[in-house]
Amino acid sequence: MKIIMLGAPGAGKGTQAKKIAEKYGIPHISTGDIFRANIKNGTELGKKAKTYMDEGLLVPDELVVDLVVDRVQQEDCKNGYVLDGFPRTIPQADALDKALAKLGEKMDYAINVEVPDANIVNRMSGRRACVGCGATYHIVHAPTKEENICDTCGGELILRDDDKPETVLKRLRVYHEQTQPLIQYYTDKNILVEVDGTVDLEDVFKAIVRILGE
């Protein structure tokens, strides 16, 4: 079962990807994890990626696809995997499809976690992070026992720059321009399925399980 998770930043696709991986016993793969593992292990692909990252440049699509394809050929992926945060653009999706076709493989599902922009802005601007231990909370959905004090270490909580409404709106604009076209791309491939991401986390997951099967 090979799955791609789609959805705007803050839609909760990462959380659902982890839950899918756990239930079906397949790895949850994010490009960030792949980069870190390859750099840490000093692989050839990792060294190439590091040269771009050290200069603050985006890692080219071709190299990202090589890293992803290398990862999905590892033993733990033999029963499938969940890709989270990749592909982000049509060229990446196309390159991934071509690389998988050479291996005689293809993606089975692209799951789009659908959440309106207004919900995402409210959701993300309510997040708070501890300056001490990095624990995260939400003023509505996961509040601390004492306002602005971390339950774990007693540190101060802050609204991260990433979660400020103006930053979230910028990220959503980039998503709509670059990543949203993937919805049509995977619709055309007949593998797109959509779930309502505005409901409770567990209900989103139940909807996904109904699609994937027990």
C-alpha atoms as a PDB file:
ATOM      1  CA  MET A   1       0.000   0.000   0.000  1.00  0.00           C
ATOM      2  CA  LYS A   2       1.797   3.094  -1.274  1.00  0.00           C
ATOM      3  CA  ILE A   3       0.246   6.345  -0.114  1.00  0.00           C
ATOM      4  CA  ILE A   4       0.901  10.059  -0.685  1.00  0.00           C
ATOM      5  CA  MET A   5      -0.524  12.529   1.851  1.00  0.00           C
ATOM      6  CA  LEU A   6      -1.767  15.846   0.477  1.00  0.00           C
ATOM      7  CA  GLY A   7      -3.165  18.877   2.256  1.00  0.00           C
ATOM      8  CA  ALA A   8      -2.327  22.450   3.147  1.00  0.00           C
ATOM      9  CA  PRO A   9       0.194  23.234   5.914  1.00  0.00           C
ATOM     10  CA  GLY A  10      -1.643  22.767   9.206  1.00  0.00           C
ATOM     11  CA  ALA A  11      -4.304  20.453   7.712  1.00  0.00           C
ATOM     12  CA  GLY A  12      -3.057  17.613   9.922  1.00  0.00           C
ATOM     13  CA  LYS A  13      -1.685  15.340   7.199  1.00  0.00           C
ATOM     14  CA  GLY A  14       1.484  14.580   9.193  1.00  0.00           C
ATOM     15  CA  THR A  15      -0.550  13.376  12.175  1.00  0.00           C
ATOM     16  CA  GLN A  16      -2.702  11.175   9.923  1.00  0.00           C
ATOM     17  CA  ALA A  17       0.389   9.841   8.113  1.00  0.00           C
ATOM     18  CA  LYS A  18       1.839   8.676  11.461  1.00  0.00           C
ATOM     19  CA  LYS A  19      -1.458   6.994  12.410  1.00  0.00           C
ATOM     20  CA  ILE A  20      -1.662   5.214   9.023  1.00  0.00           C
ATOM     21  CA  ALA A  21       1.953   4.030   9.367  1.00  0.00           C
ATOM     22  CA  GLU A  22       1.247   2.668  12.840  1.00  0.00           C
ATOM     23  CA  LYS A  23      -2.001   0.881  11.941  1.00  0.00           C
ATOM     24  CA  TYR A  24      -0.772  -0.729   8.726  1.00  0.00           C
ATOM     25  CA  GLY A  25       2.819  -1.403   9.816  1.00  0.00           C
ATOM     26  CA  ILE A  26       4.402   0.640   7.023  1.00  0.00           C
ATOM     27  CA  PRO A  27       7.011   3.411   7.349  1.00  0.00           C
ATOM     28  CA  HIS A  28       6.051   7.104   7.531  1.00  0.00           C
ATOM     29  CA  ILE A  29       8.516   8.843   5.223  1.00  0.00           C
ATOM     30  CA  SER A  30       9.157  12.592   5.182  1.00  0.00           C
ATOM     31  CA  THR A  31      11.795  14.236   2.997  1.00  0.00           C
ATOM     32  CA  GLY A  32      13.255  15.981   6.064  1.00  0.00           C
ATOM     33  CA  ASP A  33      13.895  12.604   7.705  1.00  0.00           C
ATOM     34  CA  ILE A  34      15.449  11.243   4.501  1.00  0.00           C
ATOM     35  CA  PHE A  35      17.789  14.248   4.211  1.00  0.00           C
ATOM     36  CA  ARG A  36      18.855  13.975   7.850  1.00  0.00           C
ATOM     37  CA  ALA A  37      19.472  10.203   7.658  1.00  0.00           C
ATOM     38  CA  ASN A  38      21.541  10.450   4.458  1.00  0.00           C
ATOM     39  CA  ILE A  39      23.581  13.394   5.738  1.00  0.00           C
ATOM     40  CA  LYS A  40      24.177  11.669   9.090  1.00  0.00           C
ATOM     41  CA  ASN A  41      25.255   8.444   7.365  1.00  0.00           C
ATOM     42  CA  GLY A  42      27.479  10.348   4.916  1.00  0.00           C
ATOM     43  CA  THR A  43      25.938   8.720   1.831  1.00  0.00           C
ATOM     44  CA  GLU A  44      26.783   9.999  -1.639  1.00  0.00           C
ATOM     45  CA  LEU A  45      23.259  11.409  -2.056  1.00  0.00           C
ATOM     46  CA  GLY A  46      23.448  12.916   1.433  1.00  0.00           C
ATOM     47  CA  LYS A  47      26.702  14.715   0.625  1.00  0.00           C
ATOM     48  CA  LYS A  48      25.151  16.137  -2.557  1.00  0.00           C
ATOM     49  CA  ALA A  49      22.059  17.332  -0.673  1.00  0.00           C
ATOM     50  CA  LYS A  50      24.215  18.888   2.065  1.00  0.00           C
ATOM     51  CA  THR A  51      26.143  21.051  -0.409  1.00  0.00           C
ATOM     52  CA  TYR A  52      22.867  22.712  -1.469  1.00  0.00           C
ATOM     53  CA  MET A  53      21.494  22.995   2.064  1.00  0.00           C
ATOM     54  CA  ASP A  54      24.722  24.514   3.398  1.00  0.00           C
ATOM     55  CA  GLU A  55      24.379  27.281   0.814  1.00  0.00           C
ATOM     56  CA  GLY A  56      20.736  27.840   1.747  1.00  0.00           C
ATOM     57  CA  LEU A  57      19.601  26.552  -1.643  1.00  0.00           C
ATOM     58  CA  LEU A  58      16.676  24.258  -2.390  1.00  0.00           C
ATOM     59  CA  VAL A  59      17.732  20.700  -3.127  1.00  0.00           C
ATOM     60  CA  PRO A  60      16.967  20.117  -6.851  1.00  0.00           C
ATOM     61  CA  ASP A  61      13.933  17.958  -7.706  1.00  0.00           C
ATOM     62  CA  GLU A  62      16.057  15.323  -9.421  1.00  0.00           C
ATOM     63  CA  LEU A  63      18.135  14.766  -6.271  1.00  0.00           C
ATOM     64  CA  VAL A  64      15.082  14.762  -3.976  1.00  0.00           C
ATOM     65  CA  VAL A  65      13.436  12.105  -6.178  1.00  0.00           C
ATOM     66  CA  ASP A  66      16.659  10.045  -6.117  1.00  0.00           C
ATOM     67  CA  LEU A  67      16.685  10.223  -2.307  1.00  0.00           C
ATOM     68  CA  VAL A  68      12.996   9.237  -2.052  1.00  0.00           C
ATOM     69  CA  VAL A  69      13.336   6.360  -4.533  1.00  0.00           C
ATOM     70  CA  ASP A  70      16.437   5.114  -2.699  1.00  0.00           C
ATOM     71  CA  ARG A  71      14.458   5.190   0.580  1.00  0.00           C
ATOM     72  CA  VAL A  72      11.380   3.355  -0.735  1.00  0.00           C
ATOM     73  CA  GLN A  73      13.541   0.502  -2.037  1.00  0.00           C
ATOM     74  CA  GLN A  74      14.685  -0.362   1.493  1.00  0.00           C
ATOM     75  CA  GLU A  75      13.495  -3.553   3.185  1.00  0.00           C
ATOM     76  CA  ASP A  76      10.988  -1.904   5.547  1.00  0.00           C
ATOM     77  CA  CYS A  77       9.054  -0.521   2.546  1.00  0.00           C
ATOM     78  CA  LYS A  78       8.291  -3.906   0.979  1.00  0.00           C
ATOM     79  CA  ASN A  79       4.646  -3.757   2.151  1.00  0.00           C
ATOM     80  CA  GLY A  80       4.248  -0.085   1.302  1.00  0.00           C
ATOM     81  CA  TYR A  81       4.858   3.358   2.828  1.00  0.00           C
ATOM     82  CA  VAL A  82       3.293   6.763   3.468  1.00  0.00           C
ATOM     83  CA  LEU A  83       4.953   9.773   1.818  1.00  0.00           C
ATOM     84  CA  ASP A  84       4.429  12.983   3.784  1.00  0.00           C
ATOM     85  CA  GLY A  85       5.451  16.358   2.340  1.00  0.00           C
ATOM     86  CA  PHE A  86       6.521  14.967  -1.023  1.00  0.00           C
ATOM     87  CA  PRO A  87       5.853  15.467  -3.880  1.00  0.00           C
ATOM     88  CA  ARG A  88       5.127  19.186  -3.564  1.00  0.00           C
ATOM     89  CA  THR A  89       4.939  20.112  -7.249  1.00  0.00           C
ATOM     90  CA  ILE A  90       3.782  18.571 -10.544  1.00  0.00           C
ATOM     91  CA  PRO A  91       7.381  18.130 -11.834  1.00  0.00           C
ATOM     92  CA  GLN A  92       8.274  16.226  -8.622  1.00  0.00           C
ATOM     93  CA  ALA A  93       5.154  14.043  -8.936  1.00  0.00           C
ATOM     94  CA  ASP A  94       5.947  13.315 -12.575  1.00  0.00           C
ATOM     95  CA  ALA A  95       9.581  12.463 -11.812  1.00  0.00           C
ATOM     96  CA  LEU A  96       8.499  10.192  -8.949  1.00  0.00           C
ATOM     97  CA  ASP A  97       5.982   8.346 -11.151  1.00  0.00           C
ATOM     98  CA  LYS A  98       8.602   7.781 -13.847  1.00  0.00           C
ATOM     99  CA  ALA A  99      11.210   6.558 -11.338  1.00  0.00           C
ATOM    100  CA  LEU A 100       8.698   4.146  -9.746  1.00  0.00           C
ATOM    101  CA  ALA A 101       7.554   2.905 -13.188  1.00  0.00           C
ATOM    102  CA  LYS A 102      11.155   1.855 -13.894  1.00  0.00           C
ATOM    103  CA  LEU A 103      10.921  -0.334 -10.767  1.00  0.00           C
ATOM    104  CA  GLY A 104       7.564  -1.715 -11.932  1.00  0.00           C
ATOM    105  CA  GLU A 105       5.784   0.153  -9.127  1.00  0.00           C
ATOM    106  CA  LYS A 106       3.210   2.927  -8.750  1.00  0.00           C
ATOM    107  CA  MET A 107       1.399   4.849  -6.018  1.00  0.00           C
ATOM    108  CA  ASP A 108      -1.927   3.401  -4.818  1.00  0.00           C
ATOM    109  CA  TYR A 109      -3.560   6.370  -3.095  1.00  0.00           C
ATOM    110  CA  ALA A 110      -3.172  10.143  -2.816  1.00  0.00           C
ATOM    111  CA  ILE A 111      -5.150  11.170   0.282  1.00  0.00           C
ATOM    112  CA  ASN A 112      -6.092  14.855   0.415  1.00  0.00           C
ATOM    113  CA  VAL A 113      -6.918  16.143   3.912  1.00  0.00           C
ATOM    114  CA  GLU A 114      -9.274  18.996   2.991  1.00  0.00           C
ATOM    115  CA  VAL A 115      -9.392  22.000   5.354  1.00  0.00           C
ATOM    116  CA  PRO A 116     -10.502  25.556   4.384  1.00  0.00           C
ATOM    117  CA  ASP A 117      -7.881  28.307   4.730  1.00  0.00           C
ATOM    118  CA  ALA A 118      -9.810  30.134   7.490  1.00  0.00           C
ATOM    119  CA  ASN A 119      -9.794  27.001   9.669  1.00  0.00           C
ATOM    120  CA  ILE A 120      -6.051  26.580   9.133  1.00  0.00           C
ATOM    121  CA  VAL A 121      -5.270  30.187  10.118  1.00  0.00           C
ATOM    122  CA  ASN A 122      -7.334  29.773  13.320  1.00  0.00           C
ATOM    123  CA  ARG A 123      -5.807  26.385  14.042  1.00  0.00           C
ATOM    124  CA  MET A 124      -2.173  27.470  13.577  1.00  0.00           C
ATOM    125  CA  SER A 125      -2.439  30.879  15.235  1.00  0.00           C
ATOM    126  CA  GLY A 126      -3.733  29.073  18.341  1.00  0.00           C
ATOM    127  CA  ARG A 127      -0.574  26.957  18.623  1.00  0.00           C
ATOM    128  CA  ARG A 128       1.908  27.718  21.389  1.00  0.00           C
ATOM    129  CA  ALA A 129       5.427  26.327  21.815  1.00  0.00           C
ATOM    130  CA  CYS A 130       7.554  26.108  24.953  1.00  0.00           C
ATOM    131  CA  VAL A 131      10.816  28.066  24.748  1.00  0.00           C
ATOM    132  CA  GLY A 132      12.396  25.567  27.159  1.00  0.00           C
ATOM    133  CA  CYS A 133      11.587  22.032  25.985  1.00  0.00           C
ATOM    134  CA  GLY A 134       9.820  22.655  22.643  1.00  0.00           C
ATOM    135  CA  ALA A 135       6.527  21.020  23.721  1.00  0.00           C
ATOM    136  CA  THR A 136       3.548  22.287  21.698  1.00  0.00           C
ATOM    137  CA  TYR A 137       0.032  23.166  22.831  1.00  0.00           C
ATOM    138  CA  HIS A 138      -3.095  24.791  21.458  1.00  0.00           C
ATOM    139  CA  ILE A 139      -5.040  27.481  23.318  1.00  0.00           C
ATOM    140  CA  VAL A 140      -8.360  25.829  22.355  1.00  0.00           C
ATOM    141  CA  HIS A 141      -7.676  22.167  21.511  1.00  0.00           C
ATOM    142  CA  ALA A 142      -4.764  21.336  23.837  1.00  0.00           C
ATOM    143  CA  PRO A 143      -4.411  24.083  26.465  1.00  0.00           C
ATOM    144  CA  THR A 144      -1.932  24.043  29.340  1.00  0.00           C
ATOM    145  CA  LYS A 145      -3.126  23.698  32.949  1.00  0.00           C
ATOM    146  CA  GLU A 146      -1.770  27.179  33.704  1.00  0.00           C
ATOM    147  CA  GLU A 147      -2.018  29.875  31.019  1.00  0.00           C
ATOM    148  CA  ASN A 148       1.232  30.385  29.062  1.00  0.00           C
ATOM    149  CA  ILE A 149       3.184  27.962  31.293  1.00  0.00           C
ATOM    150  CA  CYS A 150       4.451  24.639  29.905  1.00  0.00           C
ATOM    151  CA  ASP A 151       2.979  21.571  31.676  1.00  0.00           C
ATOM    152  CA  THR A 152       6.199  19.635  31.069  1.00  0.00           C
ATOM    153  CA  CYS A 153       8.986  21.957  32.207  1.00  0.00           C
ATOM    154  CA  GLY A 154       7.319  25.162  33.448  1.00  0.00           C
ATOM    155  CA  GLY A 155       8.849  27.193  30.603  1.00  0.00           C
ATOM    156  CA  GLU A 156       7.218  30.180  28.898  1.00  0.00           C
ATOM    157  CA  LEU A 157       4.986  29.565  25.867  1.00  0.00           C
ATOM    158  CA  ILE A 158       5.265  31.626  22.689  1.00  0.00           C
ATOM    159  CA  LEU A 159       3.486  31.971  19.338  1.00  0.00           C
ATOM    160  CA  ARG A 160       6.159  30.943  16.828  1.00  0.00           C
ATOM    161  CA  ASP A 161       6.770  33.181  13.795  1.00  0.00           C
ATOM    162  CA  ASP A 162       5.767  30.227  11.597  1.00  0.00           C
ATOM    163  CA  ASP A 163       2.327  30.161  13.233  1.00  0.00           C
ATOM    164  CA  LYS A 164       1.552  33.897  13.032  1.00  0.00           C
ATOM    165  CA  PRO A 165      -1.500  34.576  10.791  1.00  0.00           C
ATOM    166  CA  GLU A 166       0.487  36.611   8.227  1.00  0.00           C
ATOM    167  CA  THR A 167       3.099  33.828   7.886  1.00  0.00           C
ATOM    168  CA  VAL A 168       0.408  31.144   7.644  1.00  0.00           C
ATOM    169  CA  LEU A 169      -1.355  33.081   4.870  1.00  0.00           C
ATOM    170  CA  LYS A 170       1.946  33.336   2.951  1.00  0.00           C
ATOM    171  CA  ARG A 171       2.503  29.570   3.304  1.00  0.00           C
ATOM    172  CA  LEU A 172      -1.060  28.923   2.127  1.00  0.00           C
ATOM    173  CA  ARG A 173      -0.489  31.106  -0.961  1.00  0.00           C
ATOM    174  CA  VAL A 174       2.598  29.044  -1.865  1.00  0.00           C
ATOM    175  CA  TYR A 175       0.613  25.844  -1.261  1.00  0.00           C
ATOM    176  CA  HIS A 176      -2.234  26.937  -3.565  1.00  0.00           C
ATOM    177  CA  GLU A 177       0.195  27.926  -6.316  1.00  0.00           C
ATOM    178  CA  GLN A 178       2.580  24.957  -6.174  1.00  0.00           C
ATOM    179  CA  THR A 179       1.004  22.004  -4.393  1.00  0.00           C
ATOM    180  CA  GLN A 180      -2.751  22.246  -4.923  1.00  0.00           C
ATOM    181  CA  PRO A 181      -2.389  21.403  -8.665  1.00  0.00           C
ATOM    182  CA  LEU A 182      -1.378  17.899  -7.466  1.00  0.00           C
ATOM    183  CA  ILE A 183      -5.036  17.311  -6.549  1.00  0.00           C
ATOM    184  CA  GLN A 184      -5.975  17.447 -10.237  1.00  0.00           C
ATOM    185  CA  TYR A 185      -2.840  15.495 -11.193  1.00  0.00           C
ATOM    186  CA  TYR A 186      -3.783  12.564  -8.949  1.00  0.00           C
ATOM    187  CA  THR A 187      -7.470  12.853  -9.850  1.00  0.00           C
ATOM    188  CA  ASP A 188      -6.428  12.267 -13.462  1.00  0.00           C
ATOM    189  CA  LYS A 189      -4.471   9.198 -12.301  1.00  0.00           C
ATOM    190  CA  ASN A 190      -7.637   7.901 -10.554  1.00  0.00           C
ATOM    191  CA  ILE A 191      -5.903   7.555  -7.182  1.00  0.00           C
ATOM    192  CA  LEU A 192      -7.084  10.722  -5.388  1.00  0.00           C
ATOM    193  CA  VAL A 193      -9.354  10.349  -2.347  1.00  0.00           C
ATOM    194  CA  GLU A 194     -10.482  13.219  -0.111  1.00  0.00           C
ATOM    195  CA  VAL A 195     -11.326  13.340   3.600  1.00  0.00           C
ATOM    196  CA  ASP A 196     -12.807  16.185   5.635  1.00  0.00           C
ATOM    197  CA  GLY A 197      -9.974  17.479   7.818  1.00  0.00           C
ATOM    198  CA  THR A 198     -12.182  19.870   9.831  1.00  0.00           C
ATOM    199  CA  VAL A 199     -13.631  17.104  12.026  1.00  0.00           C
ATOM    200  CA  ASP A 200     -12.002  15.487  15.066  1.00  0.00           C
ATOM    201  CA  LEU A 201      -8.604  13.803  14.443  1.00  0.00           C
ATOM    202  CA  GLU A 202      -9.998  10.358  15.220  1.00  0.00           C
ATOM    203  CA  ASP A 203     -12.922  10.872  12.835  1.00  0.00           C
ATOM    204  CA  VAL A 204     -10.517  11.904  10.058  1.00  0.00           C
ATOM    205  CA  PHE A 205      -8.570   8.705  10.690  1.00  0.00           C
ATOM    206  CA  LYS A 206     -11.735   6.563  10.677  1.00  0.00           C
ATOM    207  CA  ALA A 207     -12.629   8.041   7.267  1.00  0.00           C
ATOM    208  CA  ILE A 208      -9.145   7.140   5.976  1.00  0.00           C
ATOM    209  CA  VAL A 209      -9.419   3.574   7.316  1.00  0.00           C
ATOM    210  CA  ARG A 210     -12.788   3.189   5.558  1.00  0.00           C
ATOM    211  CA  ILE A 211     -10.990   4.074   2.288  1.00  0.00           C
ATOM    212  CA  LEU A 212      -7.910   1.898   2.852  1.00  0.00           C
ATOM    213  CA  GLY A 213      -9.728  -1.018   4.495  1.00  0.00           C
ATOM    214  CA  GLU A 214      -9.157  -2.741   7.820  1.00  0.00           C
END
